[in-house]
Amino acid sequence: MAITPARQRNAVSEGMALGLVLSGHSSIPFDKLALDLAFEGAFRGWRYADRYPQVRTDLRNGSDGVWVMTHATERKQVWVLFWDTSGREIQIVARQHDWNPDDDEDVDHALNMIDGDVPRAGWVALARDFMTHLRA
C-alpha cells in the first residue's frame, strides 16, 4: 500500500529522530544552513530514500532540509517521537515520558509505528550520515 505524502513526511521526520536518539543524540544546536545541508546530503545518499518520494520531491522543490527533518512536531500524527524547535537547540521529545531507547520493546514499538518498514539499522545509518555531514 502506498504511503500518503503526509505520512511519508512524518515517517522520515520521526525516523530521523529515532535514529539520532539511538545514536546518542537528544538535541542538536540550531544552525539552519548546516542542518539543511547535512540532512539533504544524508537523505540523498540513504539507501531507503526511494520509499519516501514525497520527501525527495519536497527537498528538490526547495523545502529546507531542517524543516523537512523536523516536520514531526507535537501536533503531527506521530506516535513515539517528535521535534521541539522552539529553542536554540532542536530537541527530540518522546510522547510518553517512560519511553526508553535502551528498551528493545520500546524501540520495536517505534519502528512498527513509523511507515515504510525501515529497520533500526536504516534509521541509525541515516542519523550517523547526517551527523557526519554536520561535522564536515
C-alpha atoms as a PDB file:
ATOM      1  CA  MET A   1       0.000   0.000   0.000  1.00  0.00           C
ATOM      2  CA  ALA A   2       1.308   3.445  -0.909  1.00  0.00           C
ATOM      3  CA  ILE A   3       2.135   5.824   1.908  1.00  0.00           C
ATOM      4  CA  THR A   4       0.414   9.212   1.665  1.00  0.00           C
ATOM      5  CA  PRO A   5       2.643  12.288   1.235  1.00  0.00           C
ATOM      6  CA  ALA A   6       1.846  13.491   4.771  1.00  0.00           C
ATOM      7  CA  ARG A   7       2.711  10.123   6.275  1.00  0.00           C
ATOM      8  CA  GLN A   8       5.947   9.990   4.273  1.00  0.00           C
ATOM      9  CA  ARG A   9       6.974  13.349   5.742  1.00  0.00           C
ATOM     10  CA  ASN A  10       6.059  12.256   9.265  1.00  0.00           C
ATOM     11  CA  ALA A  11       7.816   8.907   8.868  1.00  0.00           C
ATOM     12  CA  VAL A  12      11.123  10.391   7.746  1.00  0.00           C
ATOM     13  CA  SER A  13      10.998  13.037  10.456  1.00  0.00           C
ATOM     14  CA  GLU A  14      10.115  10.600  13.258  1.00  0.00           C
ATOM     15  CA  GLY A  15      12.535   8.002  11.899  1.00  0.00           C
ATOM     16  CA  MET A  16      15.327  10.565  11.806  1.00  0.00           C
ATOM     17  CA  ALA A  17      14.544  11.430  15.428  1.00  0.00           C
ATOM     18  CA  LEU A  18      14.661   7.728  16.319  1.00  0.00           C
ATOM     19  CA  GLY A  19      17.974   7.237  14.538  1.00  0.00           C
ATOM     20  CA  LEU A  20      19.508  10.192  16.324  1.00  0.00           C
ATOM     21  CA  VAL A  21      18.262   9.067  19.741  1.00  0.00           C
ATOM     22  CA  LEU A  22      19.589   5.559  19.112  1.00  0.00           C
ATOM     23  CA  SER A  23      22.917   7.170  18.185  1.00  0.00           C
ATOM     24  CA  GLY A  24      23.045   9.062  21.482  1.00  0.00           C
ATOM     25  CA  HIS A  25      21.667  12.454  20.431  1.00  0.00           C
ATOM     26  CA  SER A  26      18.600  14.021  22.035  1.00  0.00           C
ATOM     27  CA  SER A  27      19.208  17.541  20.773  1.00  0.00           C
ATOM     28  CA  ILE A  28      21.106  19.415  18.079  1.00  0.00           C
ATOM     29  CA  PRO A  29      22.227  23.058  18.135  1.00  0.00           C
ATOM     30  CA  PHE A  30      20.144  25.086  15.690  1.00  0.00           C
ATOM     31  CA  ASP A  31      22.356  26.146  12.797  1.00  0.00           C
ATOM     32  CA  LYS A  32      19.925  26.352   9.899  1.00  0.00           C
ATOM     33  CA  LEU A  33      22.354  26.234   6.985  1.00  0.00           C
ATOM     34  CA  ALA A  34      24.460  23.439   8.454  1.00  0.00           C
ATOM     35  CA  LEU A  35      21.368  21.378   9.301  1.00  0.00           C
ATOM     36  CA  ASP A  36      19.845  21.966   5.853  1.00  0.00           C
ATOM     37  CA  LEU A  37      22.959  20.773   4.063  1.00  0.00           C
ATOM     38  CA  ALA A  38      23.584  17.850   6.422  1.00  0.00           C
ATOM     39  CA  PHE A  39      20.047  16.481   6.122  1.00  0.00           C
ATOM     40  CA  GLU A  40      19.885  16.943   2.357  1.00  0.00           C
ATOM     41  CA  GLY A  41      23.250  15.220   1.906  1.00  0.00           C
ATOM     42  CA  ALA A  42      22.383  12.331   4.200  1.00  0.00           C
ATOM     43  CA  PHE A  43      18.918  11.770   2.738  1.00  0.00           C
ATOM     44  CA  ARG A  44      20.161  11.922  -0.846  1.00  0.00           C
ATOM     45  CA  GLY A  45      22.577   9.031  -0.234  1.00  0.00           C
ATOM     46  CA  TRP A  46      20.343   6.989   2.068  1.00  0.00           C
ATOM     47  CA  ARG A  47      19.514   3.524   0.752  1.00  0.00           C
ATOM     48  CA  TYR A  48      15.838   3.775   1.830  1.00  0.00           C
ATOM     49  CA  ALA A  49      15.140   7.223   0.351  1.00  0.00           C
ATOM     50  CA  ASP A  50      13.177   5.739  -2.539  1.00  0.00           C
ATOM     51  CA  ARG A  51      10.477   4.637  -0.068  1.00  0.00           C
ATOM     52  CA  TYR A  52       9.742   8.320   0.571  1.00  0.00           C
ATOM     53  CA  PRO A  53       9.434  10.007  -2.837  1.00  0.00           C
ATOM     54  CA  GLN A  54       7.466  12.935  -1.385  1.00  0.00           C
ATOM     55  CA  VAL A  55      10.395  13.887   0.847  1.00  0.00           C
ATOM     56  CA  ARG A  56      12.744  13.757  -2.127  1.00  0.00           C
ATOM     57  CA  THR A  57      10.293  15.954  -4.073  1.00  0.00           C
ATOM     58  CA  ASP A  58       9.986  18.399  -1.166  1.00  0.00           C
ATOM     59  CA  LEU A  59      13.766  18.812  -0.994  1.00  0.00           C
ATOM     60  CA  ARG A  60      14.087  19.122  -4.782  1.00  0.00           C
ATOM     61  CA  ASN A  61      11.360  21.789  -4.812  1.00  0.00           C
ATOM     62  CA  GLY A  62      13.187  23.934  -2.282  1.00  0.00           C
ATOM     63  CA  SER A  63      11.931  22.852   1.138  1.00  0.00           C
ATOM     64  CA  ASP A  64      14.616  23.492   3.731  1.00  0.00           C
ATOM     65  CA  GLY A  65      16.259  20.311   4.984  1.00  0.00           C
ATOM     66  CA  VAL A  66      15.927  21.299   8.619  1.00  0.00           C
ATOM     67  CA  TRP A  67      12.167  21.790   8.302  1.00  0.00           C
ATOM     68  CA  VAL A  68      11.773  18.522   6.406  1.00  0.00           C
ATOM     69  CA  MET A  69      13.807  16.766   9.100  1.00  0.00           C
ATOM     70  CA  THR A  70      11.823  18.291  11.975  1.00  0.00           C
ATOM     71  CA  HIS A  71       8.392  18.049  10.311  1.00  0.00           C
ATOM     72  CA  ALA A  72       7.070  15.728  13.036  1.00  0.00           C
ATOM     73  CA  THR A  73       6.134  18.221  15.722  1.00  0.00           C
ATOM     74  CA  GLU A  74       3.941  17.541  18.741  1.00  0.00           C
ATOM     75  CA  ARG A  75       0.797  18.363  16.742  1.00  0.00           C
ATOM     76  CA  LYS A  76       1.550  15.979  13.865  1.00  0.00           C
ATOM     77  CA  GLN A  77       0.251  12.408  13.674  1.00  0.00           C
ATOM     78  CA  VAL A  78       3.363  10.746  15.059  1.00  0.00           C
ATOM     79  CA  TRP A  79       3.183   8.260  17.858  1.00  0.00           C
ATOM     80  CA  VAL A  80       6.524   7.943  19.611  1.00  0.00           C
ATOM     81  CA  LEU A  81       8.968  10.809  18.971  1.00  0.00           C
ATOM     82  CA  PHE A  82       8.589  14.380  17.816  1.00  0.00           C
ATOM     83  CA  TRP A  83      10.696  17.521  17.482  1.00  0.00           C
ATOM     84  CA  ASP A  84      10.580  20.682  19.579  1.00  0.00           C
ATOM     85  CA  THR A  85      12.067  23.543  17.569  1.00  0.00           C
ATOM     86  CA  SER A  86      11.159  26.343  19.972  1.00  0.00           C
ATOM     87  CA  GLY A  87      14.602  26.880  21.476  1.00  0.00           C
ATOM     88  CA  ARG A  88      18.202  27.450  20.492  1.00  0.00           C
ATOM     89  CA  GLU A  89      18.605  23.704  20.314  1.00  0.00           C
ATOM     90  CA  ILE A  90      16.277  21.370  18.461  1.00  0.00           C
ATOM     91  CA  GLN A  91      15.050  18.786  20.949  1.00  0.00           C
ATOM     92  CA  ILE A  92      13.788  15.263  20.322  1.00  0.00           C
ATOM     93  CA  VAL A  93      10.900  14.510  22.655  1.00  0.00           C
ATOM     94  CA  ALA A  94       9.242  11.199  23.486  1.00  0.00           C
ATOM     95  CA  ARG A  95       5.461  11.364  23.530  1.00  0.00           C
ATOM     96  CA  GLN A  96       5.413   9.006  26.529  1.00  0.00           C
ATOM     97  CA  HIS A  97       7.652  10.080  29.393  1.00  0.00           C
ATOM     98  CA  ASP A  98       8.765   6.496  30.083  1.00  0.00           C
ATOM     99  CA  TRP A  99       9.830   5.655  26.506  1.00  0.00           C
ATOM    100  CA  ASN A 100      13.374   4.294  26.670  1.00  0.00           C
ATOM    101  CA  PRO A 101      15.767   3.953  23.703  1.00  0.00           C
ATOM    102  CA  ASP A 102      17.608   1.213  25.611  1.00  0.00           C
ATOM    103  CA  ASP A 103      14.457  -0.925  25.838  1.00  0.00           C
ATOM    104  CA  ASP A 104      14.160  -3.167  22.770  1.00  0.00           C
ATOM    105  CA  GLU A 105      10.371  -3.346  23.139  1.00  0.00           C
ATOM    106  CA  ASP A 106      10.099   0.460  23.102  1.00  0.00           C
ATOM    107  CA  VAL A 107      12.352   0.681  20.040  1.00  0.00           C
ATOM    108  CA  ASP A 108      10.433  -2.093  18.276  1.00  0.00           C
ATOM    109  CA  HIS A 109       7.181  -0.250  19.011  1.00  0.00           C
ATOM    110  CA  ALA A 110       8.638   2.924  17.481  1.00  0.00           C
ATOM    111  CA  LEU A 111       9.806   1.037  14.392  1.00  0.00           C
ATOM    112  CA  ASN A 112       6.347  -0.504  13.969  1.00  0.00           C
ATOM    113  CA  MET A 113       4.678   2.920  14.175  1.00  0.00           C
ATOM    114  CA  ILE A 114       6.887   4.530  11.508  1.00  0.00           C
ATOM    115  CA  ASP A 115       5.680   3.956   7.935  1.00  0.00           C
ATOM    116  CA  GLY A 116       7.990   2.436   5.344  1.00  0.00           C
ATOM    117  CA  ASP A 117       9.335  -0.684   7.089  1.00  0.00           C
ATOM    118  CA  VAL A 118      12.825   0.711   7.540  1.00  0.00           C
ATOM    119  CA  PRO A 119      14.834  -1.386  10.011  1.00  0.00           C
ATOM    120  CA  ARG A 120      16.546   0.054  13.060  1.00  0.00           C
ATOM    121  CA  ALA A 121      19.901  -0.026  11.267  1.00  0.00           C
ATOM    122  CA  GLY A 122      18.429   2.037   8.413  1.00  0.00           C
ATOM    123  CA  TRP A 123      17.375   4.919  10.659  1.00  0.00           C
ATOM    124  CA  VAL A 124      20.661   4.754  12.558  1.00  0.00           C
ATOM    125  CA  ALA A 125      22.587   4.879   9.274  1.00  0.00           C
ATOM    126  CA  LEU A 126      20.649   7.981   8.178  1.00  0.00           C
ATOM    127  CA  ALA A 127      21.328   9.666  11.527  1.00  0.00           C
ATOM    128  CA  ARG A 128      25.027   8.811  11.504  1.00  0.00           C
ATOM    129  CA  ASP A 129      25.454  10.033   7.949  1.00  0.00           C
ATOM    130  CA  PHE A 130      23.621  13.219   8.934  1.00  0.00           C
ATOM    131  CA  MET A 131      25.989  13.743  11.866  1.00  0.00           C
ATOM    132  CA  THR A 132      28.994  13.094   9.605  1.00  0.00           C
ATOM    133  CA  HIS A 133      27.748  15.738   7.154  1.00  0.00           C
ATOM    134  CA  LEU A 134      27.028  18.103  10.039  1.00  0.00           C
ATOM    135  CA  ARG A 135      30.583  17.841  11.397  1.00  0.00           C
ATOM    136  CA  ALA A 136      32.202  18.227   7.949  1.00  0.00           C
END
